[in-house]
Structures are given as C-alpha cells and as structure tokens.
Protein backbone atom coordinates (compact mmCIF):
# COMPACT_ATOMS: atom_id res chain seq x y z
CA MET A 1 -11.35 -22.14 -84.68
CA THR A 2 -11.20 -22.82 -80.95
CA LYS A 3 -14.04 -22.29 -78.58
CA SER A 4 -13.46 -20.39 -75.37
CA CYS A 5 -14.56 -22.05 -72.17
CA PRO A 6 -16.94 -20.11 -69.98
CA PRO A 7 -15.66 -19.37 -66.47
CA GLN A 8 -16.56 -21.98 -63.90
CA SER A 9 -19.22 -21.02 -61.44
CA THR A 10 -18.52 -21.66 -57.78
CA SER A 11 -20.94 -24.59 -57.82
CA GLU A 12 -18.77 -26.30 -60.46
CA VAL A 13 -15.52 -25.74 -58.57
CA PRO A 14 -14.73 -28.70 -56.30
CA ARG A 15 -15.30 -28.08 -52.58
CA GLU A 16 -11.66 -28.76 -51.72
CA GLU A 17 -10.50 -26.15 -54.21
CA GLN A 18 -12.96 -23.64 -52.76
CA ALA A 19 -11.59 -24.27 -49.27
CA HIS A 20 -8.03 -23.96 -50.57
CA ASN A 21 -8.85 -20.64 -52.28
CA LEU A 22 -10.50 -19.33 -49.12
CA CYS A 23 -7.38 -20.13 -47.09
CA LEU A 24 -5.17 -18.46 -49.68
CA ARG A 25 -7.32 -15.31 -49.58
CA LEU A 26 -7.14 -15.24 -45.78
CA LEU A 27 -3.37 -15.76 -45.84
CA THR A 28 -2.96 -12.95 -48.35
CA ALA A 29 -4.26 -10.44 -45.81
CA ARG A 30 -1.95 -11.61 -42.99
CA ALA A 31 -0.27 -14.71 -41.60
CA ARG A 32 -2.66 -16.97 -39.70
CA THR A 33 -2.40 -19.98 -37.46
CA ARG A 34 -3.73 -23.37 -38.40
CA ALA A 35 -6.43 -23.04 -35.74
CA GLU A 36 -7.59 -19.70 -37.16
CA LEU A 37 -7.90 -21.20 -40.64
CA GLU A 38 -9.70 -24.27 -39.24
CA GLY A 39 -12.15 -21.94 -37.53
CA GLN A 40 -12.83 -20.01 -40.71
CA LEU A 41 -13.37 -23.20 -42.71
CA ALA A 42 -15.70 -24.61 -40.05
CA LYS A 43 -17.60 -21.31 -39.93
CA ARG A 44 -18.28 -21.65 -43.65
CA GLY A 45 -19.46 -25.24 -43.30
CA TYR A 46 -16.51 -27.21 -44.66
CA PRO A 47 -16.24 -30.74 -43.22
CA ASP A 48 -13.34 -31.50 -40.88
CA ASP A 49 -11.72 -34.11 -43.14
CA LEU A 50 -11.66 -31.69 -46.08
CA SER A 51 -10.27 -28.90 -43.90
CA GLU A 52 -7.59 -31.24 -42.63
CA ARG A 53 -6.48 -32.14 -46.17
CA VAL A 54 -6.37 -28.51 -47.30
CA LEU A 55 -4.46 -27.37 -44.22
CA ASP A 56 -2.01 -30.28 -44.47
CA ARG A 57 -1.29 -29.28 -48.05
CA LEU A 58 -0.76 -25.62 -47.07
CA THR A 59 1.51 -26.71 -44.21
CA GLN A 60 3.59 -28.86 -46.57
CA VAL A 61 4.31 -25.91 -48.85
CA GLY A 62 5.10 -23.66 -45.88
CA LEU A 63 2.13 -21.30 -46.02
CA VAL A 64 0.86 -22.37 -42.60
CA ASP A 65 3.54 -22.44 -39.93
CA ASP A 66 2.46 -21.88 -36.32
CA ALA A 67 6.04 -21.68 -35.03
CA GLY A 68 6.97 -19.04 -37.59
CA PHE A 69 3.74 -17.17 -36.89
CA ALA A 70 4.44 -17.18 -33.14
CA GLU A 71 7.99 -15.86 -33.63
CA GLN A 72 6.77 -13.09 -35.91
CA TRP A 73 3.87 -12.23 -33.58
CA VAL A 74 6.14 -11.98 -30.53
CA GLN A 75 8.66 -9.72 -32.29
CA SER A 76 5.99 -7.47 -33.74
CA ARG A 77 3.88 -7.08 -30.59
CA ARG A 78 6.92 -6.48 -28.38
CA ARG A 79 8.19 -3.79 -30.71
CA THR A 80 4.94 -2.00 -31.57
CA ALA A 81 2.74 -2.55 -28.50
CA GLY A 82 5.40 -3.16 -25.83
CA LYS A 83 3.74 -6.36 -24.66
CA GLY A 84 5.24 -8.50 -21.90
CA LYS A 85 5.60 -12.28 -21.88
CA ARG A 86 2.33 -12.91 -20.08
CA ALA A 87 0.27 -10.85 -22.54
CA LEU A 88 2.03 -12.35 -25.55
CA ALA A 89 1.37 -15.88 -24.33
CA ALA A 90 -2.32 -15.06 -23.80
CA GLU A 91 -2.63 -13.56 -27.29
CA LEU A 92 -1.00 -16.60 -28.89
CA ARG A 93 -3.28 -18.95 -26.93
CA THR A 94 -6.35 -17.12 -28.26
CA LYS A 95 -4.97 -17.62 -31.77
CA GLY A 96 -4.81 -21.39 -31.16
CA VAL A 97 -1.04 -21.78 -30.91
CA ASP A 98 0.17 -24.84 -28.98
CA ASN A 99 1.76 -24.23 -25.55
CA ASP A 100 5.07 -25.80 -26.61
CA VAL A 101 5.28 -23.46 -29.60
CA ILE A 102 4.43 -20.49 -27.35
CA ALA A 103 7.17 -21.45 -24.91
CA ALA A 104 9.69 -21.70 -27.75
CA ALA A 105 8.68 -18.31 -29.16
CA LEU A 106 8.97 -16.64 -25.75
CA ALA A 107 12.25 -18.36 -24.84
CA ASP A 108 14.30 -15.59 -26.48
CA ILE A 109 12.89 -12.97 -24.10
CA ASP A 110 14.91 -12.95 -20.90
CA ALA A 111 14.02 -11.05 -17.73
CA GLY A 112 16.55 -8.31 -18.49
CA ALA A 113 15.09 -7.62 -21.94
CA GLU A 114 11.58 -7.57 -20.53
CA ARG A 115 12.58 -5.16 -17.79
CA GLN A 116 14.37 -2.92 -20.28
CA ARG A 117 11.24 -2.71 -22.46
CA ALA A 118 9.14 -1.86 -19.38
CA GLU A 119 11.61 0.90 -18.46
CA GLU A 120 11.38 2.33 -21.98
CA LEU A 121 7.58 2.37 -21.83
CA VAL A 122 7.53 4.10 -18.43
CA ALA A 123 10.21 6.64 -19.41
CA HIS A 124 8.29 7.50 -22.57
CA ARG A 125 5.06 7.99 -20.63
CA LEU A 126 6.77 9.99 -17.85
CA ARG A 127 8.03 12.61 -20.30
CA ARG A 128 4.42 13.71 -20.82
CA GLU A 129 3.35 13.63 -17.17
CA ARG A 130 3.29 16.44 -14.62
CA LEU A 131 5.07 15.47 -11.44
CA THR A 132 3.31 16.43 -8.23
CA ASP A 133 4.14 15.86 -4.58
CA ASP A 134 1.78 12.88 -4.48
CA ASP A 135 3.17 10.04 -6.59
CA ALA A 136 0.47 7.52 -5.65
CA LYS A 137 -1.92 8.38 -8.50
CA LEU A 138 0.84 8.48 -11.12
CA THR A 139 2.36 5.27 -9.77
CA ARG A 140 -1.02 3.50 -10.01
CA ARG A 141 -1.49 4.67 -13.59
CA LEU A 142 1.99 3.61 -14.70
CA VAL A 143 1.83 0.24 -12.94
CA GLY A 144 -1.63 -0.30 -14.43
CA MET A 145 -0.28 0.46 -17.91
CA LEU A 146 2.46 -2.15 -17.46
CA ALA A 147 0.04 -4.69 -15.99
CA ARG A 148 -2.31 -4.33 -18.98
CA ARG A 149 0.65 -5.05 -21.24
CA GLY A 150 1.50 -8.25 -19.40
CA TYR A 151 4.31 -7.24 -17.04
CA GLY A 152 4.47 -8.66 -13.52
CA ASP A 153 3.38 -6.52 -10.56
CA THR A 154 6.66 -6.70 -8.65
CA MET A 155 8.76 -5.69 -11.61
CA ALA A 156 6.25 -2.98 -12.60
CA PHE A 157 6.34 -1.35 -9.16
CA ASP A 158 10.13 -1.48 -9.09
CA VAL A 159 10.49 -0.01 -12.60
CA VAL A 160 8.02 2.79 -11.85
CA LYS A 161 9.66 3.65 -8.52
CA VAL A 162 13.13 3.91 -10.10
CA ALA A 163 11.82 5.80 -13.15
CA LEU A 164 9.97 8.33 -10.99
CA ALA A 165 13.09 8.98 -8.91
CA ASN A 166 15.20 9.39 -12.07
CA GLU A 167 12.66 11.72 -13.67
CA ARG A 168 12.45 13.89 -10.53
CA GLU A 169 16.25 14.14 -10.49
CA ARG A 170 16.36 14.95 -14.21
CA ARG A 171 13.78 17.73 -13.87
CA ARG A 172 15.45 19.12 -10.76
CA VAL A 173 18.67 19.86 -12.66
C-alpha cells in the first residue's frame, strides 16, 4: 500500500518557485511588463537576483514580452479609449516599458490615422451636444477632451473647428 504525501506548505516550497507562481498568477489576470512583475516581486520581499532568474525564465518561454505587451496595449487603448500617441507613450512609460519599445509600438500610428481617430471622437461627442451661437465653451470642452486623450493642441483645434462647421451644416439641412 502506498502512502499519500501531505501537501507542501508554503514554507517548504522553495522561494524561487513561490516567486514563479506569483508571477504566473499575476500573468493569468492580464499581460504585464517585466518592470511591473519586478515591482510586485520586490514589494513582496524577493531578492533581486531571484527575481531576475524567475523573470528571465518567463521571458524565455514567452510569457513576459514587453514589445508584445506594448503592441497590444497601443491597439487596445486606441480602440477603446481613443488615446493619442502622447497619452499612449506616457501610459507605457508608467508601466516600465523601454523608450525604444514604445517608439516601435507607436511607429504604426501615422498622423493621418491619429487625426481620423480624433475626428471620430469629436463627431461622436458632437451628436449629443446642443449647438448655440457661442462656440467658445463647446470648443474648449472638445479640445480639452482631445488634450486629455493625448492629442496635440494644434490638431485638436483644427479638428474641432472643422467638425463644428460640418455639424452646423448637417443640422441646418
């Protein structure tokens, strides 16, 4: 007859395996950058050399990939939140992504695509707005919305001016 082994307590599990399991749990919830995982390991008191080994192993098997994360983040945030290049770069920097990786992830977004997304955002918002004789307040609100999403001031003013004129013409007919 064979004896069953009791489950290992966390004190019996090697520290490196604990760190590895923590990273896997974090990655199950959502993709994370190497810097985010390093921060979580440091927060829980794992030494740097152990963290480095665990993260190197996860990188080798493809579970930690900052370039892939940045690409996915840019596509998702552009589509769902309508973020501009500037805001996307700032978000990726806060997640610990390297500047070269950020530049590569944002390289696919040209000025025309960014302007088109800004026009879509303004057109969507304008459908719900009342147009009055004074456009200054509405212009400030729309430009502010674009600025908070990372679009440049010059482009934002131009997009809002054209969109307001088009919306007035559309409602006039």
